[in-house]
Amino acid sequence: MKIHDSCVAIWEATKKIPRGRVSTYGQIAREAGFPNHPRLAGYALKHIPDNMKVPWHRVMNAQGKISLPADSESHALQKNLLEAEGVLFLKGKVDLVRYGWRRKSDAPILD
């Protein structure tokens, strides 16, 4: 499989994450058929074509943190996009139990 094919698989897996939910790089890699390759997910999400809509902002690291540099515009954008979808941060982290997307759990969050 070529790198482009693996990126397409990552992008398609990422598109499945519903609003108000997040996933991790490892989960997305597994969903795309590349278990144990979370860095591949990071690479693919960094190289999304401009004309493709992929909710990259819904993917976080395994600790529930944004992986981008904290002082970067991209970090602020990701945080703002998630907060606009109702995802809450506490001390820079998202509760993956509450907001984490599980493939069979596309139900809305009930408070």
PDB file of N, CA and C in Angstrom:
ATOM      1  N   MET A   1       0.841  -1.183   0.000  1.00  0.00           N
ATOM      2  CA  MET A   1       0.000   0.000   0.000  1.00  0.00           C
ATOM      3  C   MET A   1       0.886   1.245   0.000  1.00  0.00           C
ATOM      4  N   LYS A   2       0.568   2.182  -0.845  1.00  0.00           N
ATOM      5  CA  LYS A   2       1.324   3.435  -0.918  1.00  0.00           C
ATOM      6  C   LYS A   2       0.932   4.361   0.232  1.00  0.00           C
ATOM      7  N   ILE A   3       1.826   5.305   0.529  1.00  0.00           N
ATOM      8  CA  ILE A   3       1.565   6.243   1.620  1.00  0.00           C
ATOM      9  C   ILE A   3       0.273   7.021   1.369  1.00  0.00           C
ATOM     10  N   HIS A   4       0.002   7.379   0.116  1.00  0.00           N
ATOM     11  CA  HIS A   4      -1.229   8.115  -0.182  1.00  0.00           C
ATOM     12  C   HIS A   4      -2.461   7.289   0.191  1.00  0.00           C
ATOM     13  N   ASP A   5      -2.428   5.996  -0.114  1.00  0.00           N
ATOM     14  CA  ASP A   5      -3.566   5.131   0.218  1.00  0.00           C
ATOM     15  C   ASP A   5      -3.794   5.069   1.725  1.00  0.00           C
ATOM     16  N   SER A   6      -2.708   5.014   2.478  1.00  0.00           N
ATOM     17  CA  SER A   6      -2.857   4.968   3.936  1.00  0.00           C
ATOM     18  C   SER A   6      -3.391   6.296   4.461  1.00  0.00           C
ATOM     19  N   CYS A   7      -2.971   7.400   3.861  1.00  0.00           N
ATOM     20  CA  CYS A   7      -3.497   8.712   4.268  1.00  0.00           C
ATOM     21  C   CYS A   7      -4.991   8.799   3.997  1.00  0.00           C
ATOM     22  N   VAL A   8      -5.412   8.327   2.848  1.00  0.00           N
ATOM     23  CA  VAL A   8      -6.841   8.343   2.512  1.00  0.00           C
ATOM     24  C   VAL A   8      -7.623   7.535   3.543  1.00  0.00           C
ATOM     25  N   ALA A   9      -7.098   6.388   3.945  1.00  0.00           N
ATOM     26  CA  ALA A   9      -7.773   5.565   4.952  1.00  0.00           C
ATOM     27  C   ALA A   9      -7.873   6.307   6.286  1.00  0.00           C
ATOM     28  N   ILE A  10      -6.825   7.015   6.667  1.00  0.00           N
ATOM     29  CA  ILE A  10      -6.832   7.809   7.904  1.00  0.00           C
ATOM     30  C   ILE A  10      -7.869   8.929   7.800  1.00  0.00           C
ATOM     31  N   TRP A  11      -7.891   9.620   6.669  1.00  0.00           N
ATOM     32  CA  TRP A  11      -8.847  10.720   6.490  1.00  0.00           C
ATOM     33  C   TRP A  11     -10.284  10.208   6.579  1.00  0.00           C
ATOM     34  N   GLU A  12     -10.545   9.070   5.944  1.00  0.00           N
ATOM     35  CA  GLU A  12     -11.901   8.506   5.969  1.00  0.00           C
ATOM     36  C   GLU A  12     -12.290   8.082   7.384  1.00  0.00           C
ATOM     37  N   ALA A  13     -11.361   7.510   8.121  1.00  0.00           N
ATOM     38  CA  ALA A  13     -11.642   7.130   9.511  1.00  0.00           C
ATOM     39  C   ALA A  13     -11.935   8.366  10.354  1.00  0.00           C
ATOM     40  N   THR A  14     -11.197   9.434  10.129  1.00  0.00           N
ATOM     41  CA  THR A  14     -11.379  10.671  10.891  1.00  0.00           C
ATOM     42  C   THR A  14     -12.738  11.297  10.606  1.00  0.00           C
ATOM     43  N   LYS A  15     -13.213  11.167   9.384  1.00  0.00           N
ATOM     44  CA  LYS A  15     -14.520  11.722   9.020  1.00  0.00           C
ATOM     45  C   LYS A  15     -15.670  11.073   9.793  1.00  0.00           C
ATOM     46  N   LYS A  16     -15.435   9.900  10.367  1.00  0.00           N
ATOM     47  CA  LYS A  16     -16.481   9.192  11.109  1.00  0.00           C
ATOM     48  C   LYS A  16     -16.703   9.755  12.512  1.00  0.00           C
ATOM     49  N   ILE A  17     -15.758  10.539  13.017  1.00  0.00           N
ATOM     50  CA  ILE A  17     -15.883  11.068  14.377  1.00  0.00           C
ATOM     51  C   ILE A  17     -16.989  12.120  14.383  1.00  0.00           C
ATOM     52  N   PRO A  18     -18.038  11.922  15.168  1.00  0.00           N
ATOM     53  CA  PRO A  18     -19.134  12.898  15.185  1.00  0.00           C
ATOM     54  C   PRO A  18     -18.785  14.174  15.952  1.00  0.00           C
ATOM     55  N   ARG A  19     -19.528  15.215  15.674  1.00  0.00           N
ATOM     56  CA  ARG A  19     -19.378  16.489  16.410  1.00  0.00           C
ATOM     57  C   ARG A  19     -19.497  16.223  17.906  1.00  0.00           C
ATOM     58  N   GLY A  20     -18.692  16.932  18.671  1.00  0.00           N
ATOM     59  CA  GLY A  20     -18.768  16.798  20.117  1.00  0.00           C
ATOM     60  C   GLY A  20     -18.033  15.600  20.678  1.00  0.00           C
ATOM     61  N   ARG A  21     -17.351  14.870  19.826  1.00  0.00           N
ATOM     62  CA  ARG A  21     -16.567  13.705  20.240  1.00  0.00           C
ATOM     63  C   ARG A  21     -15.128  13.890  19.777  1.00  0.00           C
ATOM     64  N   VAL A  22     -14.225  13.187  20.430  1.00  0.00           N
ATOM     65  CA  VAL A  22     -12.820  13.200  20.023  1.00  0.00           C
ATOM     66  C   VAL A  22     -12.322  11.768  19.936  1.00  0.00           C
ATOM     67  N   SER A  23     -11.208  11.605  19.256  1.00  0.00           N
ATOM     68  CA  SER A  23     -10.548  10.314  19.161  1.00  0.00           C
ATOM     69  C   SER A  23      -9.059  10.550  19.340  1.00  0.00           C
ATOM     70  N   THR A  24      -8.306   9.478  19.449  1.00  0.00           N
ATOM     71  CA  THR A  24      -6.852   9.605  19.568  1.00  0.00           C
ATOM     72  C   THR A  24      -6.201   9.173  18.259  1.00  0.00           C
ATOM     73  N   TYR A  25      -4.942   9.547  18.117  1.00  0.00           N
ATOM     74  CA  TYR A  25      -4.197   9.146  16.925  1.00  0.00           C
ATOM     75  C   TYR A  25      -4.168   7.622  16.807  1.00  0.00           C
ATOM     76  N   GLY A  26      -3.975   6.945  17.924  1.00  0.00           N
ATOM     77  CA  GLY A  26      -3.937   5.485  17.910  1.00  0.00           C
ATOM     78  C   GLY A  26      -5.260   4.864  17.505  1.00  0.00           C
ATOM     79  N   GLN A  27      -6.361   5.415  18.015  1.00  0.00           N
ATOM     80  CA  GLN A  27      -7.682   4.892  17.663  1.00  0.00           C
ATOM     81  C   GLN A  27      -7.957   5.074  16.174  1.00  0.00           C
ATOM     82  N   ILE A  28      -7.606   6.226  15.651  1.00  0.00           N
ATOM     83  CA  ILE A  28      -7.839   6.490  14.228  1.00  0.00           C
ATOM     84  C   ILE A  28      -6.977   5.574  13.365  1.00  0.00           C
ATOM     85  N   ALA A  29      -5.744   5.371  13.772  1.00  0.00           N
ATOM     86  CA  ALA A  29      -4.874   4.457  13.025  1.00  0.00           C
ATOM     87  C   ALA A  29      -5.473   3.047  13.012  1.00  0.00           C
ATOM     88  N   ARG A  30      -5.957   2.583  14.165  1.00  0.00           N
ATOM     89  CA  ARG A  30      -6.591   1.258  14.226  1.00  0.00           C
ATOM     90  C   ARG A  30      -7.832   1.201  13.344  1.00  0.00           C
ATOM     91  N   GLU A  31      -8.669   2.225  13.429  1.00  0.00           N
ATOM     92  CA  GLU A  31      -9.898   2.282  12.629  1.00  0.00           C
ATOM     93  C   GLU A  31      -9.583   2.214  11.134  1.00  0.00           C
ATOM     94  N   ALA A  32      -8.461   2.804  10.746  1.00  0.00           N
ATOM     95  CA  ALA A  32      -8.064   2.838   9.335  1.00  0.00           C
ATOM     96  C   ALA A  32      -7.342   1.563   8.899  1.00  0.00           C
ATOM     97  N   GLY A  33      -7.085   0.668   9.849  1.00  0.00           N
ATOM     98  CA  GLY A  33      -6.413  -0.584   9.501  1.00  0.00           C
ATOM     99  C   GLY A  33      -4.918  -0.579   9.733  1.00  0.00           C
ATOM    100  N   PHE A  34      -4.434   0.367  10.526  1.00  0.00           N
ATOM    101  CA  PHE A  34      -3.007   0.476  10.808  1.00  0.00           C
ATOM    102  C   PHE A  34      -2.752   0.488  12.315  1.00  0.00           C
ATOM    103  N   PRO A  35      -3.071  -0.635  12.992  1.00  0.00           N
ATOM    104  CA  PRO A  35      -2.844  -0.666  14.437  1.00  0.00           C
ATOM    105  C   PRO A  35      -1.370  -0.442  14.754  1.00  0.00           C
ATOM    106  N   ASN A  36      -1.111   0.168  15.880  1.00  0.00           N
ATOM    107  CA  ASN A  36       0.260   0.447  16.333  1.00  0.00           C
ATOM    108  C   ASN A  36       0.991   1.474  15.477  1.00  0.00           C
ATOM    109  N   HIS A  37       0.255   2.291  14.730  1.00  0.00           N
ATOM    110  CA  HIS A  37       0.880   3.327  13.901  1.00  0.00           C
ATOM    111  C   HIS A  37       0.225   4.692  14.118  1.00  0.00           C
ATOM    112  N   PRO A  38       0.184   5.180  15.361  1.00  0.00           N
ATOM    113  CA  PRO A  38      -0.448   6.482  15.604  1.00  0.00           C
ATOM    114  C   PRO A  38       0.263   7.628  14.894  1.00  0.00           C
ATOM    115  N   ARG A  39       1.564   7.497  14.678  1.00  0.00           N
ATOM    116  CA  ARG A  39       2.290   8.573  13.988  1.00  0.00           C
ATOM    117  C   ARG A  39       1.862   8.690  12.528  1.00  0.00           C
ATOM    118  N   LEU A  40       1.432   7.588  11.949  1.00  0.00           N
ATOM    119  CA  LEU A  40       0.901   7.638  10.590  1.00  0.00           C
ATOM    120  C   LEU A  40      -0.354   8.504  10.565  1.00  0.00           C
ATOM    121  N   ALA A  41      -1.178   8.384  11.596  1.00  0.00           N
ATOM    122  CA  ALA A  41      -2.380   9.223  11.677  1.00  0.00           C
ATOM    123  C   ALA A  41      -1.982  10.689  11.777  1.00  0.00           C
ATOM    124  N   GLY A  42      -0.992  10.992  12.601  1.00  0.00           N
ATOM    125  CA  GLY A  42      -0.513  12.370  12.720  1.00  0.00           C
ATOM    126  C   GLY A  42       0.010  12.904  11.401  1.00  0.00           C
ATOM    127  N   TYR A  43       0.779  12.083  10.692  1.00  0.00           N
ATOM    128  CA  TYR A  43       1.319  12.477   9.391  1.00  0.00           C
ATOM    129  C   TYR A  43       0.183  12.768   8.413  1.00  0.00           C
ATOM    130  N   ALA A  44      -0.774  11.853   8.352  1.00  0.00           N
ATOM    131  CA  ALA A  44      -1.885  12.012   7.406  1.00  0.00           C
ATOM    132  C   ALA A  44      -2.698  13.266   7.711  1.00  0.00           C
ATOM    133  N   LEU A  45      -2.954  13.511   8.994  1.00  0.00           N
ATOM    134  CA  LEU A  45      -3.755  14.683   9.357  1.00  0.00           C
ATOM    135  C   LEU A  45      -3.004  15.981   9.098  1.00  0.00           C
ATOM    136  N   LYS A  46      -1.703  15.937   9.134  1.00  0.00           N
ATOM    137  CA  LYS A  46      -0.901  17.125   8.823  1.00  0.00           C
ATOM    138  C   LYS A  46      -0.928  17.430   7.326  1.00  0.00           C
ATOM    139  N   HIS A  47      -1.222  16.413   6.511  1.00  0.00           N
ATOM    140  CA  HIS A  47      -1.155  16.564   5.056  1.00  0.00           C
ATOM    141  C   HIS A  47      -2.517  16.447   4.371  1.00  0.00           C
ATOM    142  N   ILE A  48      -3.562  16.924   5.017  1.00  0.00           N
ATOM    143  CA  ILE A  48      -4.896  16.914   4.407  1.00  0.00           C
ATOM    144  C   ILE A  48      -4.918  17.933   3.269  1.00  0.00           C
ATOM    145  N   PRO A  49      -5.357  17.525   2.078  1.00  0.00           N
ATOM    146  CA  PRO A  49      -5.459  18.489   0.979  1.00  0.00           C
ATOM    147  C   PRO A  49      -6.425  19.626   1.327  1.00  0.00           C
ATOM    148  N   ASP A  50      -6.128  20.807   0.838  1.00  0.00           N
ATOM    149  CA  ASP A  50      -6.942  21.990   1.139  1.00  0.00           C
ATOM    150  C   ASP A  50      -8.405  21.834   0.730  1.00  0.00           C
ATOM    151  N   ASN A  51      -8.650  21.068  -0.316  1.00  0.00           N
ATOM    152  CA  ASN A  51     -10.018  20.937  -0.827  1.00  0.00           C
ATOM    153  C   ASN A  51     -10.807  19.805  -0.159  1.00  0.00           C
ATOM    154  N   MET A  52     -10.231  19.167   0.859  1.00  0.00           N
ATOM    155  CA  MET A  52     -10.891  18.047   1.526  1.00  0.00           C
ATOM    156  C   MET A  52     -11.324  18.449   2.939  1.00  0.00           C
ATOM    157  N   LYS A  53     -12.564  18.152   3.272  1.00  0.00           N
ATOM    158  CA  LYS A  53     -13.069  18.459   4.616  1.00  0.00           C
ATOM    159  C   LYS A  53     -12.891  17.237   5.512  1.00  0.00           C
ATOM    160  N   VAL A  54     -11.956  17.347   6.424  1.00  0.00           N
ATOM    161  CA  VAL A  54     -11.681  16.292   7.402  1.00  0.00           C
ATOM    162  C   VAL A  54     -11.638  16.961   8.775  1.00  0.00           C
ATOM    163  N   PRO A  55     -12.398  16.481   9.747  1.00  0.00           N
ATOM    164  CA  PRO A  55     -12.413  17.112  11.071  1.00  0.00           C
ATOM    165  C   PRO A  55     -11.167  16.763  11.897  1.00  0.00           C
ATOM    166  N   TRP A  56     -10.033  17.201  11.417  1.00  0.00           N
ATOM    167  CA  TRP A  56      -8.730  16.924  12.043  1.00  0.00           C
ATOM    168  C   TRP A  56      -8.702  17.338  13.506  1.00  0.00           C
ATOM    169  N   HIS A  57      -9.468  18.384  13.829  1.00  0.00           N
ATOM    170  CA  HIS A  57      -9.443  18.933  15.186  1.00  0.00           C
ATOM    171  C   HIS A  57     -10.013  17.970  16.222  1.00  0.00           C
ATOM    172  N   ARG A  58     -10.685  16.930  15.788  1.00  0.00           N
ATOM    173  CA  ARG A  58     -11.280  15.966  16.722  1.00  0.00           C
ATOM    174  C   ARG A  58     -10.311  14.859  17.135  1.00  0.00           C
ATOM    175  N   VAL A  59      -9.072  14.944  16.680  1.00  0.00           N
ATOM    176  CA  VAL A  59      -8.069  13.924  17.010  1.00  0.00           C
ATOM    177  C   VAL A  59      -7.045  14.517  17.973  1.00  0.00           C
ATOM    178  N   MET A  60      -6.824  13.802  19.074  1.00  0.00           N
ATOM    179  CA  MET A  60      -5.938  14.269  20.142  1.00  0.00           C
ATOM    180  C   MET A  60      -4.948  13.165  20.501  1.00  0.00           C
ATOM    181  N   ASN A  61      -4.027  13.478  21.396  1.00  0.00           N
ATOM    182  CA  ASN A  61      -3.116  12.426  21.845  1.00  0.00           C
ATOM    183  C   ASN A  61      -3.804  11.550  22.897  1.00  0.00           C
ATOM    184  N   ALA A  62      -3.142  10.484  23.285  1.00  0.00           N
ATOM    185  CA  ALA A  62      -3.738   9.491  24.182  1.00  0.00           C
ATOM    186  C   ALA A  62      -3.999  10.026  25.589  1.00  0.00           C
ATOM    187  N   GLN A  63      -3.409  11.165  25.933  1.00  0.00           N
ATOM    188  CA  GLN A  63      -3.659  11.780  27.233  1.00  0.00           C
ATOM    189  C   GLN A  63      -4.840  12.752  27.193  1.00  0.00           C
ATOM    190  N   GLY A  64      -5.444  12.908  26.025  1.00  0.00           N
ATOM    191  CA  GLY A  64      -6.557  13.844  25.887  1.00  0.00           C
ATOM    192  C   GLY A  64      -6.103  15.275  25.697  1.00  0.00           C
ATOM    193  N   LYS A  65      -4.866  15.443  25.266  1.00  0.00           N
ATOM    194  CA  LYS A  65      -4.311  16.778  25.051  1.00  0.00           C
ATOM    195  C   LYS A  65      -4.123  17.045  23.562  1.00  0.00           C
ATOM    196  N   ILE A  66      -4.125  18.308  23.216  1.00  0.00           N
ATOM    197  CA  ILE A  66      -3.802  18.734  21.859  1.00  0.00           C
ATOM    198  C   ILE A  66      -2.297  18.584  21.686  1.00  0.00           C
ATOM    199  N   SER A  67      -1.880  17.966  20.592  1.00  0.00           N
ATOM    200  CA  SER A  67      -0.457  17.699  20.378  1.00  0.00           C
ATOM    201  C   SER A  67       0.312  18.862  19.770  1.00  0.00           C
ATOM    202  N   LEU A  68      -0.384  19.839  19.258  1.00  0.00           N
ATOM    203  CA  LEU A  68       0.281  20.992  18.646  1.00  0.00           C
ATOM    204  C   LEU A  68       0.912  21.867  19.727  1.00  0.00           C
ATOM    205  N   PRO A  69       1.956  22.633  19.387  1.00  0.00           N
ATOM    206  CA  PRO A  69       2.584  23.516  20.384  1.00  0.00           C
ATOM    207  C   PRO A  69       1.553  24.452  21.018  1.00  0.00           C
ATOM    208  N   ALA A  70       1.585  24.545  22.331  1.00  0.00           N
ATOM    209  CA  ALA A  70       0.574  25.295  23.088  1.00  0.00           C
ATOM    210  C   ALA A  70       0.478  26.762  22.695  1.00  0.00           C
ATOM    211  N   ASP A  71       1.559  27.333  22.205  1.00  0.00           N
ATOM    212  CA  ASP A  71       1.543  28.754  21.845  1.00  0.00           C
ATOM    213  C   ASP A  71       1.281  28.986  20.358  1.00  0.00           C
ATOM    214  N   SER A  72       0.889  27.939  19.634  1.00  0.00           N
ATOM    215  CA  SER A  72       0.681  28.072  18.191  1.00  0.00           C
ATOM    216  C   SER A  72      -0.762  28.453  17.854  1.00  0.00           C
ATOM    217  N   GLU A  73      -0.928  29.066  16.689  1.00  0.00           N
ATOM    218  CA  GLU A  73      -2.269  29.401  16.204  1.00  0.00           C
ATOM    219  C   GLU A  73      -3.084  28.134  15.962  1.00  0.00           C
ATOM    220  N   SER A  74      -2.419  27.076  15.495  1.00  0.00           N
ATOM    221  CA  SER A  74      -3.119  25.819  15.226  1.00  0.00           C
ATOM    222  C   SER A  74      -3.678  25.204  16.503  1.00  0.00           C
ATOM    223  N   HIS A  75      -2.932  25.299  17.595  1.00  0.00           N
ATOM    224  CA  HIS A  75      -3.405  24.800  18.896  1.00  0.00           C
ATOM    225  C   HIS A  75      -4.665  25.559  19.314  1.00  0.00           C
ATOM    226  N   ALA A  76      -4.597  26.885  19.212  1.00  0.00           N
ATOM    227  CA  ALA A  76      -5.753  27.715  19.578  1.00  0.00           C
ATOM    228  C   ALA A  76      -6.953  27.396  18.690  1.00  0.00           C
ATOM    229  N   LEU A  77      -6.709  27.200  17.396  1.00  0.00           N
ATOM    230  CA  LEU A  77      -7.791  26.871  16.468  1.00  0.00           C
ATOM    231  C   LEU A  77      -8.432  25.539  16.844  1.00  0.00           C
ATOM    232  N   GLN A  78      -7.614  24.517  17.102  1.00  0.00           N
ATOM    233  CA  GLN A  78      -8.155  23.212  17.460  1.00  0.00           C
ATOM    234  C   GLN A  78      -8.990  23.302  18.735  1.00  0.00           C
ATOM    235  N   LYS A  79      -8.484  23.981  19.728  1.00  0.00           N
ATOM    236  CA  LYS A  79      -9.208  24.132  20.997  1.00  0.00           C
ATOM    237  C   LYS A  79     -10.527  24.872  20.776  1.00  0.00           C
ATOM    238  N   ASN A  80     -10.489  25.950  20.013  1.00  0.00           N
ATOM    239  CA  ASN A  80     -11.704  26.728  19.738  1.00  0.00           C
ATOM    240  C   ASN A  80     -12.743  25.913  18.977  1.00  0.00           C
ATOM    241  N   LEU A  81     -12.305  25.143  17.989  1.00  0.00           N
ATOM    242  CA  LEU A  81     -13.233  24.317  17.213  1.00  0.00           C
ATOM    243  C   LEU A  81     -13.895  23.262  18.098  1.00  0.00           C
ATOM    244  N   LEU A  82     -13.103  22.641  18.970  1.00  0.00           N
ATOM    245  CA  LEU A  82     -13.667  21.631  19.870  1.00  0.00           C
ATOM    246  C   LEU A  82     -14.634  22.254  20.872  1.00  0.00           C
ATOM    247  N   GLU A  83     -14.258  23.387  21.439  1.00  0.00           N
ATOM    248  CA  GLU A  83     -15.147  24.058  22.391  1.00  0.00           C
ATOM    249  C   GLU A  83     -16.451  24.481  21.721  1.00  0.00           C
ATOM    250  N   ALA A  84     -16.383  24.879  20.459  1.00  0.00           N
ATOM    251  CA  ALA A  84     -17.591  25.259  19.721  1.00  0.00           C
ATOM    252  C   ALA A  84     -18.525  24.062  19.525  1.00  0.00           C
ATOM    253  N   GLU A  85     -17.970  22.854  19.587  1.00  0.00           N
ATOM    254  CA  GLU A  85     -18.770  21.633  19.468  1.00  0.00           C
ATOM    255  C   GLU A  85     -19.224  21.119  20.834  1.00  0.00           C
ATOM    256  N   GLY A  86     -18.882  21.850  21.890  1.00  0.00           N
ATOM    257  CA  GLY A  86     -19.311  21.461  23.226  1.00  0.00           C
ATOM    258  C   GLY A  86     -18.319  20.623  24.007  1.00  0.00           C
ATOM    259  N   VAL A  87     -17.120  20.436  23.477  1.00  0.00           N
ATOM    260  CA  VAL A  87     -16.088  19.668  24.176  1.00  0.00           C
ATOM    261  C   VAL A  87     -15.421  20.581  25.201  1.00  0.00           C
ATOM    262  N   LEU A  88     -15.369  20.124  26.444  1.00  0.00           N
ATOM    263  CA  LEU A  88     -14.790  20.923  27.518  1.00  0.00           C
ATOM    264  C   LEU A  88     -13.365  20.489  27.834  1.00  0.00           C
ATOM    265  N   PHE A  89     -12.536  21.470  28.145  1.00  0.00           N
ATOM    266  CA  PHE A  89     -11.156  21.229  28.560  1.00  0.00           C
ATOM    267  C   PHE A  89     -11.047  21.532  30.045  1.00  0.00           C
ATOM    268  N   LEU A  90     -10.310  20.704  30.759  1.00  0.00           N
ATOM    269  CA  LEU A  90     -10.014  20.939  32.162  1.00  0.00           C
ATOM    270  C   LEU A  90      -8.505  20.802  32.325  1.00  0.00           C
ATOM    271  N   LYS A  91      -7.860  21.901  32.666  1.00  0.00           N
ATOM    272  CA  LYS A  91      -6.398  21.941  32.799  1.00  0.00           C
ATOM    273  C   LYS A  91      -5.712  21.461  31.522  1.00  0.00           C
ATOM    274  N   GLY A  92      -6.246  21.892  30.379  1.00  0.00           N
ATOM    275  CA  GLY A  92      -5.638  21.583  29.087  1.00  0.00           C
ATOM    276  C   GLY A  92      -5.915  20.195  28.553  1.00  0.00           C
ATOM    277  N   LYS A  93      -6.814  19.465  29.210  1.00  0.00           N
ATOM    278  CA  LYS A  93      -7.119  18.100  28.786  1.00  0.00           C
ATOM    279  C   LYS A  93      -8.612  17.918  28.554  1.00  0.00           C
ATOM    280  N   VAL A  94      -8.919  16.963  27.686  1.00  0.00           N
ATOM    281  CA  VAL A  94     -10.293  16.552  27.428  1.00  0.00           C
ATOM    282  C   VAL A  94     -10.491  15.201  28.108  1.00  0.00           C
ATOM    283  N   ASP A  95     -11.612  15.023  28.756  1.00  0.00           N
ATOM    284  CA  ASP A  95     -11.945  13.748  29.387  1.00  0.00           C
ATOM    285  C   ASP A  95     -12.322  12.755  28.281  1.00  0.00           C
ATOM    286  N   LEU A  96     -11.418  11.812  28.009  1.00  0.00           N
ATOM    287  CA  LEU A  96     -11.652  10.860  26.924  1.00  0.00           C
ATOM    288  C   LEU A  96     -12.772   9.871  27.247  1.00  0.00           C
ATOM    289  N   VAL A  97     -13.055   9.666  28.516  1.00  0.00           N
ATOM    290  CA  VAL A  97     -14.174   8.788  28.874  1.00  0.00           C
ATOM    291  C   VAL A  97     -15.491   9.463  28.490  1.00  0.00           C
ATOM    292  N   ARG A  98     -15.582  10.739  28.754  1.00  0.00           N
ATOM    293  CA  ARG A  98     -16.819  11.473  28.461  1.00  0.00           C
ATOM    294  C   ARG A  98     -16.956  11.828  26.979  1.00  0.00           C
ATOM    295  N   TYR A  99     -15.873  12.309  26.369  1.00  0.00           N
ATOM    296  CA  TYR A  99     -15.953  12.824  25.001  1.00  0.00           C
ATOM    297  C   TYR A  99     -15.358  11.893  23.950  1.00  0.00           C
ATOM    298  N   GLY A 100     -14.729  10.824  24.394  1.00  0.00           N
ATOM    299  CA  GLY A 100     -14.090   9.916  23.443  1.00  0.00           C
ATOM    300  C   GLY A 100     -15.098   9.192  22.573  1.00  0.00           C
ATOM    301  N   TRP A 101     -14.814   9.146  21.293  1.00  0.00           N
ATOM    302  CA  TRP A 101     -15.679   8.446  20.339  1.00  0.00           C
ATOM    303  C   TRP A 101     -15.326   6.969  20.336  1.00  0.00           C
ATOM    304  N   ARG A 102     -16.343   6.165  20.491  1.00  0.00           N
ATOM    305  CA  ARG A 102     -16.186   4.738  20.344  1.00  0.00           C
ATOM    306  C   ARG A 102     -17.034   4.354  19.152  1.00  0.00           C
ATOM    307  N   ARG A 103     -16.476   3.619  18.290  1.00  0.00           N
ATOM    308  CA  ARG A 103     -17.087   3.314  17.000  1.00  0.00           C
ATOM    309  C   ARG A 103     -18.577   2.990  17.093  1.00  0.00           C
ATOM    310  N   LYS A 104     -18.972   2.243  18.071  1.00  0.00           N
ATOM    311  CA  LYS A 104     -20.376   1.845  18.187  1.00  0.00           C
ATOM    312  C   LYS A 104     -21.191   2.839  19.001  1.00  0.00           C
ATOM    313  N   SER A 105     -20.557   3.914  19.441  1.00  0.00           N
ATOM    314  CA  SER A 105     -21.246   4.889  20.288  1.00  0.00           C
ATOM    315  C   SER A 105     -21.303   6.247  19.608  1.00  0.00           C
ATOM    316  N   ASP A 106     -22.203   6.395  18.684  1.00  0.00           N
ATOM    317  CA  ASP A 106     -22.376   7.673  18.003  1.00  0.00           C
ATOM    318  C   ASP A 106     -23.502   8.487  18.634  1.00  0.00           C
ATOM    319  N   ALA A 107     -24.011   8.007  19.745  1.00  0.00           N
ATOM    320  CA  ALA A 107     -25.105   8.705  20.417  1.00  0.00           C
ATOM    321  C   ALA A 107     -24.623  10.051  20.941  1.00  0.00           C
ATOM    322  N   PRO A 108     -25.508  11.030  20.980  1.00  0.00           N
ATOM    323  CA  PRO A 108     -25.109  12.333  21.515  1.00  0.00           C
ATOM    324  C   PRO A 108     -24.804  12.239  23.002  1.00  0.00           C
ATOM    325  N   ILE A 109     -24.015  13.164  23.465  1.00  0.00           N
ATOM    326  CA  ILE A 109     -23.668  13.222  24.876  1.00  0.00           C
ATOM    327  C   ILE A 109     -24.880  13.712  25.652  1.00  0.00           C
ATOM    328  N   LEU A 110     -25.222  13.006  26.700  1.00  0.00           N
ATOM    329  CA  LEU A 110     -26.346  13.401  27.545  1.00  0.00           C
ATOM    330  C   LEU A 110     -25.805  13.858  28.885  1.00  0.00           C
ATOM    331  N   ASP A 111     -26.154  15.043  29.290  1.00  0.00           N
ATOM    332  CA  ASP A 111     -25.703  15.555  30.591  1.00  0.00           C
ATOM    333  C   ASP A 111     -26.771  15.348  31.631  1.00  0.00           C
TER     334      ASP A 111
END
